[in-house]
C-alpha atoms as a PDB file:
ATOM      1  CA  MET A   1      -0.066   0.000  -0.202  1.00  0.00           C
ATOM      2  CA  ASP A   2       1.439   3.220  -1.146  1.00  0.00           C
ATOM      3  CA  LYS A   3       1.537   6.253   1.381  1.00  0.00           C
ATOM      4  CA  SER A   4      -0.689   9.380   0.690  1.00  0.00           C
ATOM      5  CA  ASN A   5       0.681  12.702   1.714  1.00  0.00           C
ATOM      6  CA  ILE A   6      -1.430  15.009   3.769  1.00  0.00           C
ATOM      7  CA  LEU A   7      -2.295  18.660   3.681  1.00  0.00           C
ATOM      8  CA  MET A   8      -3.724  19.738   7.468  1.00  0.00           C
ATOM      9  CA  ILE A   9      -5.332  23.217   7.529  1.00  0.00           C
ATOM     10  CA  GLY A  10      -6.198  24.970  11.177  1.00  0.00           C
ATOM     11  CA  PRO A  11      -5.588  28.032  13.027  1.00  0.00           C
ATOM     12  CA  THR A  12      -2.679  28.248  15.277  1.00  0.00           C
ATOM     13  CA  GLY A  13      -2.791  26.286  18.427  1.00  0.00           C
ATOM     14  CA  THR A  14      -5.047  23.717  17.094  1.00  0.00           C
ATOM     15  CA  GLY A  15      -2.397  20.918  17.291  1.00  0.00           C
ATOM     16  CA  LYS A  16      -1.220  20.276  13.805  1.00  0.00           C
ATOM     17  CA  THR A  17       2.462  19.673  14.916  1.00  0.00           C
ATOM     18  CA  LEU A  18       1.344  17.657  17.865  1.00  0.00           C
ATOM     19  CA  LEU A  19      -0.782  15.173  15.839  1.00  0.00           C
ATOM     20  CA  ALA A  20       2.109  14.685  13.329  1.00  0.00           C
ATOM     21  CA  ARG A  21       4.542  14.084  16.254  1.00  0.00           C
ATOM     22  CA  THR A  22       2.058  11.771  18.288  1.00  0.00           C
ATOM     23  CA  LEU A  23       1.553   9.569  14.737  1.00  0.00           C
ATOM     24  CA  ALA A  24       5.196   9.148  14.518  1.00  0.00           C
ATOM     25  CA  GLN A  25       5.687   8.290  18.027  1.00  0.00           C
ATOM     26  CA  LYS A  26       2.922   5.681  17.656  1.00  0.00           C
ATOM     27  CA  LEU A  27       4.340   3.947  14.486  1.00  0.00           C
ATOM     28  CA  GLN A  28       7.635   4.307  16.088  1.00  0.00           C
ATOM     29  CA  VAL A  29       9.322   5.975  13.048  1.00  0.00           C
ATOM     30  CA  PRO A  30      11.873   8.969  12.798  1.00  0.00           C
ATOM     31  CA  PHE A  31      10.219  12.387  12.764  1.00  0.00           C
ATOM     32  CA  ALA A  32      11.437  15.795  11.671  1.00  0.00           C
ATOM     33  CA  ILE A  33       9.898  19.345  11.480  1.00  0.00           C
ATOM     34  CA  ALA A  34      10.541  21.827   8.820  1.00  0.00           C
ATOM     35  CA  ASP A  35       9.360  25.478   8.707  1.00  0.00           C
ATOM     36  CA  ALA A  36       8.460  26.457   5.119  1.00  0.00           C
ATOM     37  CA  THR A  37       9.073  30.120   5.787  1.00  0.00           C
ATOM     38  CA  THR A  38      12.886  29.494   6.363  1.00  0.00           C
ATOM     39  CA  LEU A  39      13.090  27.445   2.824  1.00  0.00           C
ATOM     40  CA  THR A  40      14.308  28.988  -0.416  1.00  0.00           C
ATOM     41  CA  GLU A  41      15.434  27.495  -3.667  1.00  0.00           C
ATOM     42  CA  ALA A  42      19.183  26.089  -4.199  1.00  0.00           C
ATOM     43  CA  GLY A  43      21.693  28.716  -4.823  1.00  0.00           C
ATOM     44  CA  TYR A  44      19.869  31.901  -2.851  1.00  0.00           C
ATOM     45  CA  VAL A  45      20.445  32.750   1.276  1.00  0.00           C
ATOM     46  CA  GLY A  46      18.181  30.317   3.365  1.00  0.00           C
ATOM     47  CA  GLU A  47      17.674  26.940   4.396  1.00  0.00           C
ATOM     48  CA  ASP A  48      17.977  24.354   1.452  1.00  0.00           C
ATOM     49  CA  VAL A  49      15.059  22.316   0.824  1.00  0.00           C
ATOM     50  CA  GLU A  50      17.105  19.154   1.055  1.00  0.00           C
ATOM     51  CA  ASN A  51      18.029  19.908   4.371  1.00  0.00           C
ATOM     52  CA  ILE A  52      14.749  18.591   5.656  1.00  0.00           C
ATOM     53  CA  LEU A  53      15.823  14.846   4.625  1.00  0.00           C
ATOM     54  CA  LEU A  54      19.045  15.890   6.522  1.00  0.00           C
ATOM     55  CA  LYS A  55      16.849  16.265   9.656  1.00  0.00           C
ATOM     56  CA  LEU A  56      15.213  13.424   9.157  1.00  0.00           C
ATOM     57  CA  ILE A  57      18.496  11.225   9.007  1.00  0.00           C
ATOM     58  CA  GLN A  58      19.692  12.860  12.056  1.00  0.00           C
ATOM     59  CA  ALA A  59      16.427  11.884  13.827  1.00  0.00           C
ATOM     60  CA  ALA A  60      17.088   8.375  12.522  1.00  0.00           C
ATOM     61  CA  ASN A  61      20.743   8.308  14.200  1.00  0.00           C
ATOM     62  CA  ASN A  62      22.039   8.685  10.650  1.00  0.00           C
ATOM     63  CA  ASP A  63      20.254   5.259   9.881  1.00  0.00           C
ATOM     64  CA  ILE A  64      19.357   5.778   6.150  1.00  0.00           C
ATOM     65  CA  LYS A  65      17.051   2.869   5.934  1.00  0.00           C
ATOM     66  CA  LYS A  66      15.124   3.881   8.758  1.00  0.00           C
ATOM     67  CA  ALA A  67      14.681   7.326   7.783  1.00  0.00           C
ATOM     68  CA  GLU A  68      13.090   6.352   4.339  1.00  0.00           C
ATOM     69  CA  GLN A  69      10.204   5.003   6.725  1.00  0.00           C
ATOM     70  CA  GLY A  70       9.846   8.231   8.545  1.00  0.00           C
ATOM     71  CA  ILE A  71       7.449  11.124   8.808  1.00  0.00           C
ATOM     72  CA  ILE A  72       8.196  14.861   7.956  1.00  0.00           C
ATOM     73  CA  PHE A  73       6.118  17.377   8.732  1.00  0.00           C
ATOM     74  CA  ILE A  74       6.468  20.871   6.943  1.00  0.00           C
ATOM     75  CA  ASP A  75       4.631  23.845   8.823  1.00  0.00           C
ATOM     76  CA  GLU A  76       3.211  27.117   7.816  1.00  0.00           C
ATOM     77  CA  ILE A  77       3.214  25.839   4.103  1.00  0.00           C
ATOM     78  CA  ASP A  78       0.664  28.261   3.468  1.00  0.00           C
ATOM     79  CA  LYS A  79       3.264  30.989   3.655  1.00  0.00           C
ATOM     80  CA  ILE A  80       4.959  29.910   0.236  1.00  0.00           C
ATOM     81  CA  ALA A  81       2.093  30.318  -1.515  1.00  0.00           C
ATOM     82  CA  ASN A  82       2.096  33.129  -4.402  1.00  0.00           C
ATOM     83  CA  GLU A  83       0.914  36.115  -2.987  1.00  0.00           C
ATOM     84  CA  GLU A  84      -0.714  37.114  -6.073  1.00  0.00           C
ATOM     85  CA  ARG A  85      -3.729  35.085  -5.726  1.00  0.00           C
ATOM     86  CA  GLY A  86      -5.020  33.425  -8.978  1.00  0.00           C
ATOM     87  CA  THR A  87      -1.859  33.461 -10.860  1.00  0.00           C
ATOM     88  CA  SER A  88      -0.153  30.597 -10.172  1.00  0.00           C
ATOM     89  CA  ARG A  89      -0.209  29.415 -13.722  1.00  0.00           C
ATOM     90  CA  SER A  90       1.505  32.575 -14.815  1.00  0.00           C
ATOM     91  CA  PRO A  91       4.888  31.574 -16.539  1.00  0.00           C
ATOM     92  CA  VAL A  92       6.668  34.205 -14.370  1.00  0.00           C
ATOM     93  CA  MET A  93       8.447  32.199 -11.505  1.00  0.00           C
ATOM     94  CA  SER A  94       8.009  33.848  -8.394  1.00  0.00           C
ATOM     95  CA  PRO A  95      10.089  33.024  -5.178  1.00  0.00           C
ATOM     96  CA  GLU A  96       7.258  31.279  -3.447  1.00  0.00           C
ATOM     97  CA  LYS A  97       6.489  29.229  -6.646  1.00  0.00           C
ATOM     98  CA  GLY A  98      10.097  28.227  -6.780  1.00  0.00           C
ATOM     99  CA  VAL A  99      10.307  26.778  -3.037  1.00  0.00           C
ATOM    100  CA  GLN A 100       7.083  24.938  -4.130  1.00  0.00           C
ATOM    101  CA  GLN A 101       8.913  23.269  -7.292  1.00  0.00           C
ATOM    102  CA  ALA A 102      12.045  22.419  -5.013  1.00  0.00           C
ATOM    103  CA  LEU A 103       9.682  20.430  -2.693  1.00  0.00           C
ATOM    104  CA  LEU A 104       8.205  18.459  -5.671  1.00  0.00           C
ATOM    105  CA  LYS A 105      11.900  16.810  -5.976  1.00  0.00           C
ATOM    106  CA  ILE A 106      11.514  15.446  -2.518  1.00  0.00           C
ATOM    107  CA  ILE A 107       7.787  14.737  -2.123  1.00  0.00           C
ATOM    108  CA  GLU A 108       6.823  13.160  -5.487  1.00  0.00           C
ATOM    109  CA  GLY A 109       6.733   9.751  -5.586  1.00  0.00           C
ATOM    110  CA  HIS A 110       8.276   8.471  -9.028  1.00  0.00           C
ATOM    111  CA  ARG A 111      11.490  10.538  -8.053  1.00  0.00           C
ATOM    112  CA  SER A 112      12.765   7.820  -5.593  1.00  0.00           C
ATOM    113  CA  LEU A 113      16.493   9.327  -5.229  1.00  0.00           C
ATOM    114  CA  GLY A 114      17.435  12.604  -3.627  1.00  0.00           C
ATOM    115  CA  SER A 115      21.028  13.655  -2.927  1.00  0.00           C
ATOM    116  CA  LEU A 116      22.270  15.627   0.048  1.00  0.00           C
ATOM    117  CA  PRO A 117      25.612  16.624   1.714  1.00  0.00           C
ATOM    118  CA  ARG A 118      26.781  14.890   4.459  1.00  0.00           C
ATOM    119  CA  GLY A 119      27.328  18.066   6.586  1.00  0.00           C
ATOM    120  CA  GLY A 120      24.539  19.992   5.532  1.00  0.00           C
ATOM    121  CA  GLU A 121      26.352  22.399   3.226  1.00  0.00           C
ATOM    122  CA  LYS A 122      27.412  21.413  -0.519  1.00  0.00           C
ATOM    123  CA  HIS A 123      30.913  21.639  -1.640  1.00  0.00           C
ATOM    124  CA  PRO A 124      32.547  20.493  -4.780  1.00  0.00           C
ATOM    125  CA  ASN A 125      33.775  16.798  -4.759  1.00  0.00           C
ATOM    126  CA  GLN A 126      32.136  16.139  -1.474  1.00  0.00           C
ATOM    127  CA  GLU A 127      30.463  12.591  -0.974  1.00  0.00           C
ATOM    128  CA  MET A 128      26.493  13.001  -1.138  1.00  0.00           C
ATOM    129  CA  LEU A 129      24.024  10.873   0.857  1.00  0.00           C
ATOM    130  CA  LYS A 130      21.310   9.013  -1.082  1.00  0.00           C
ATOM    131  CA  ILE A 131      17.889   8.574   0.283  1.00  0.00           C
ATOM    132  CA  ASN A 132      14.954   7.012  -1.171  1.00  0.00           C
ATOM    133  CA  THR A 133      11.742   9.585  -0.738  1.00  0.00           C
ATOM    134  CA  ARG A 134       9.387   6.977  -1.878  1.00  0.00           C
ATOM    135  CA  ASN A 135       7.954   5.892   1.292  1.00  0.00           C
ATOM    136  CA  ILE A 136       8.511   8.847   3.424  1.00  0.00           C
ATOM    137  CA  LEU A 137       5.434  10.474   4.761  1.00  0.00           C
ATOM    138  CA  PHE A 138       5.069  14.048   4.113  1.00  0.00           C
ATOM    139  CA  ILE A 139       2.703  16.227   6.242  1.00  0.00           C
ATOM    140  CA  VAL A 140       2.200  19.641   5.378  1.00  0.00           C
ATOM    141  CA  GLY A 141       0.295  22.255   7.516  1.00  0.00           C
ATOM    142  CA  GLY A 142      -0.675  25.888   7.619  1.00  0.00           C
ATOM    143  CA  ALA A 143      -3.410  28.458   8.712  1.00  0.00           C
ATOM    144  CA  PHE A 144      -4.438  29.330   5.552  1.00  0.00           C
ATOM    145  CA  VAL A 145      -5.909  32.741   6.686  1.00  0.00           C
ATOM    146  CA  GLY A 146      -8.483  33.654   3.824  1.00  0.00           C
ATOM    147  CA  LEU A 147      -9.052  30.256   2.219  1.00  0.00           C
ATOM    148  CA  ASP A 148     -12.215  30.526   3.515  1.00  0.00           C
ATOM    149  CA  LYS A 149     -13.226  33.579   1.829  1.00  0.00           C
ATOM    150  CA  VAL A 150     -11.988  31.716  -1.472  1.00  0.00           C
ATOM    151  CA  ILE A 151     -14.184  28.926  -0.689  1.00  0.00           C
ATOM    152  CA  GLU A 152     -17.302  30.925   0.197  1.00  0.00           C
ATOM    153  CA  LYS A 153     -17.210  32.998  -2.994  1.00  0.00           C
ATOM    154  CA  ARG A 154     -17.265  29.328  -5.042  1.00  0.00           C
ATOM    155  CA  VAL A 155     -19.863  27.910  -3.102  1.00  0.00           C
ATOM    156  CA  SER A 156     -22.318  31.016  -2.564  1.00  0.00           C
ATOM    157  CA  ALA A 157     -21.907  31.367  -6.470  1.00  0.00           C
ATOM    158  CA  HIS A 158     -24.154  28.071  -6.708  1.00  0.00           C
ATOM    159  CA  GLN A 159     -26.381  28.745  -3.338  1.00  0.00           C
ATOM    160  CA  MET A 160     -28.329  31.934  -4.402  1.00  0.00           C
ATOM    161  CA  GLY A 161     -31.902  32.494  -3.867  1.00  0.00           C
ATOM    162  CA  PHE A 162     -34.630  30.900  -1.835  1.00  0.00           C
ATOM    163  CA  GLY A 163     -33.234  27.487  -2.103  1.00  0.00           C
ATOM    164  CA  ALA A 164     -29.890  28.574  -0.595  1.00  0.00           C
ATOM    165  CA  HIS A 165     -28.691  26.436   2.430  1.00  0.00           C
ATOM    166  CA  LEU A 166     -27.965  29.227   5.287  1.00  0.00           C
ATOM    167  CA  ILE A 167     -25.297  28.285   7.857  1.00  0.00           C
ATOM    168  CA  GLU A 168     -25.388  29.911  11.039  1.00  0.00           C
ATOM    169  CA  GLY A 169     -22.502  30.756  13.413  1.00  0.00           C
ATOM    170  CA  ALA A 170     -18.949  31.657  12.142  1.00  0.00           C
ATOM    171  CA  ASP A 171     -17.365  28.251  13.763  1.00  0.00           C
ATOM    172  CA  GLU A 172     -20.222  26.143  11.848  1.00  0.00           C
ATOM    173  CA  THR A 173     -19.446  28.058   8.664  1.00  0.00           C
ATOM    174  CA  ASN A 174     -15.935  27.254   8.514  1.00  0.00           C
ATOM    175  CA  SER A 175     -16.265  23.785   9.315  1.00  0.00           C
ATOM    176  CA  LYS A 176     -18.517  23.579   6.619  1.00  0.00           C
ATOM    177  CA  LEU A 177     -16.975  25.413   4.088  1.00  0.00           C
ATOM    178  CA  TYR A 178     -13.649  23.431   4.722  1.00  0.00           C
ATOM    179  CA  THR A 179     -15.855  20.058   3.613  1.00  0.00           C
ATOM    180  CA  GLN A 180     -16.448  21.507   0.507  1.00  0.00           C
ATOM    181  CA  MET A 181     -12.979  22.226  -0.246  1.00  0.00           C
ATOM    182  CA  HIS A 182     -11.622  21.714  -3.892  1.00  0.00           C
ATOM    183  CA  PRO A 183      -8.094  21.725  -5.381  1.00  0.00           C
ATOM    184  CA  ASP A 184      -8.958  24.997  -7.304  1.00  0.00           C
ATOM    185  CA  ASP A 185      -9.532  26.799  -3.922  1.00  0.00           C
ATOM    186  CA  LEU A 186      -5.773  26.060  -2.908  1.00  0.00           C
ATOM    187  CA  ILE A 187      -4.678  27.072  -6.505  1.00  0.00           C
ATOM    188  CA  LYS A 188      -6.503  30.502  -6.432  1.00  0.00           C
ATOM    189  CA  PHE A 189      -4.901  30.606  -2.736  1.00  0.00           C
ATOM    190  CA  GLY A 190      -1.506  30.562  -4.386  1.00  0.00           C
ATOM    191  CA  LEU A 191      -0.408  26.839  -4.590  1.00  0.00           C
ATOM    192  CA  ILE A 192       0.729  25.229  -7.833  1.00  0.00           C
ATOM    193  CA  PRO A 193      -1.322  22.334  -9.128  1.00  0.00           C
ATOM    194  CA  GLU A 194       1.356  20.090  -9.182  1.00  0.00           C
ATOM    195  CA  PHE A 195       2.118  20.557  -5.605  1.00  0.00           C
ATOM    196  CA  ILE A 196      -1.360  20.005  -4.665  1.00  0.00           C
ATOM    197  CA  GLY A 197      -1.592  16.915  -6.788  1.00  0.00           C
ATOM    198  CA  ARG A 198       1.119  15.332  -4.322  1.00  0.00           C
ATOM    199  CA  LEU A 199      -1.030  16.045  -1.400  1.00  0.00           C
ATOM    200  CA  PRO A 200      -4.209  14.084  -1.756  1.00  0.00           C
ATOM    201  CA  ILE A 201      -5.669  13.933   1.524  1.00  0.00           C
ATOM    202  CA  HIS A 202      -7.294  17.356   2.925  1.00  0.00           C
ATOM    203  CA  VAL A 203      -7.689  17.555   6.579  1.00  0.00           C
ATOM    204  CA  ALA A 204      -9.538  20.752   8.262  1.00  0.00           C
ATOM    205  CA  LEU A 205      -8.827  21.132  11.945  1.00  0.00           C
ATOM    206  CA  ASN A 206     -11.967  22.997  14.264  1.00  0.00           C
ATOM    207  CA  ASP A 207     -11.142  26.036  15.894  1.00  0.00           C
ATOM    208  CA  LEU A 208     -10.664  25.752  19.761  1.00  0.00           C
ATOM    209  CA  LYS A 209     -13.517  26.625  21.495  1.00  0.00           C
ATOM    210  CA  LYS A 210     -13.570  27.694  25.261  1.00  0.00           C
ATOM    211  CA  GLU A 211     -14.229  24.137  26.282  1.00  0.00           C
ATOM    212  CA  ASP A 212     -11.181  22.790  24.428  1.00  0.00           C
ATOM    213  CA  LEU A 213      -8.963  25.685  25.984  1.00  0.00           C
ATOM    214  CA  MET A 214     -10.037  24.474  29.530  1.00  0.00           C
ATOM    215  CA  GLN A 215      -8.909  20.921  28.722  1.00  0.00           C
ATOM    216  CA  ILE A 216      -5.525  21.913  27.003  1.00  0.00           C
ATOM    217  CA  ILE A 217      -4.612  23.876  30.283  1.00  0.00           C
ATOM    218  CA  THR A 218      -6.037  21.452  32.928  1.00  0.00           C
ATOM    219  CA  GLU A 219      -6.049  17.727  31.858  1.00  0.00           C
ATOM    220  CA  PRO A 220      -2.541  16.997  29.943  1.00  0.00           C
ATOM    221  CA  LYS A 221       0.113  15.912  32.630  1.00  0.00           C
ATOM    222  CA  ASN A 222       2.382  18.934  31.628  1.00  0.00           C
ATOM    223  CA  SER A 223      -0.462  21.268  31.411  1.00  0.00           C
ATOM    224  CA  ILE A 224       0.416  24.991  32.184  1.00  0.00           C
ATOM    225  CA  VAL A 225      -2.108  24.890  35.394  1.00  0.00           C
ATOM    226  CA  LYS A 226      -0.191  21.796  36.961  1.00  0.00           C
ATOM    227  CA  GLN A 227       3.176  23.302  35.993  1.00  0.00           C
ATOM    228  CA  TYR A 228       2.269  26.615  37.913  1.00  0.00           C
ATOM    229  CA  ASN A 229       0.770  24.614  40.967  1.00  0.00           C
ATOM    230  CA  GLY A 230       4.053  22.407  41.334  1.00  0.00           C
ATOM    231  CA  LEU A 231       6.009  25.652  41.517  1.00  0.00           C
ATOM    232  CA  PRO A 232       7.549  26.625  44.829  1.00  0.00           C
ATOM    233  CA  GLN A 233       4.952  28.839  46.538  1.00  0.00           C
ATOM    234  CA  THR A 234       6.880  32.032  47.851  1.00  0.00           C
END
């Protein structure tokens, strides 16, 4: 059974990173976290996209075979969306689109081998590591602020008049809208079609409510309330 990469959409604090880390712990596989905002194309100032694979190898204690079965979580993926919404098919290559194209090299399944330097920096005549990315699960996440407006605009165009279905409440609206999300909505947001095609599973996380926040600060074993109560009182 082939793996299917995942796109998670949700506001800050809803637990996107925790979900990915917990999944890796349950499966007992190496896990690495990367921030998309620091990624750049090869040859530019910033973190090389291929360094994501190096982080995974380091998490696997330099065991490449073990790293080839690991999980990589890339956060803030919405920050590399093309700022000029709706122009993702433009022939002009923007920096954001360039990073998406660079990520394709390691995410796409049929391009099985990726090479990267042992020390993280490329030098002439340096021995390069080889890693098969075919079975590495990529989970990308982001807040995607404004995507709900893109979906709402498309959906409302087909729901006008007396037969339109009305949804009450902002939270209910967002949860309903994300269930109707279409790849074209992500393209209008600024992601390129090739990148979206490598992320077949789309998951939307609900906003945190007051009851959820109460559980977070009180129930976990390392909750902030328990930590505060454990501090010496002066």
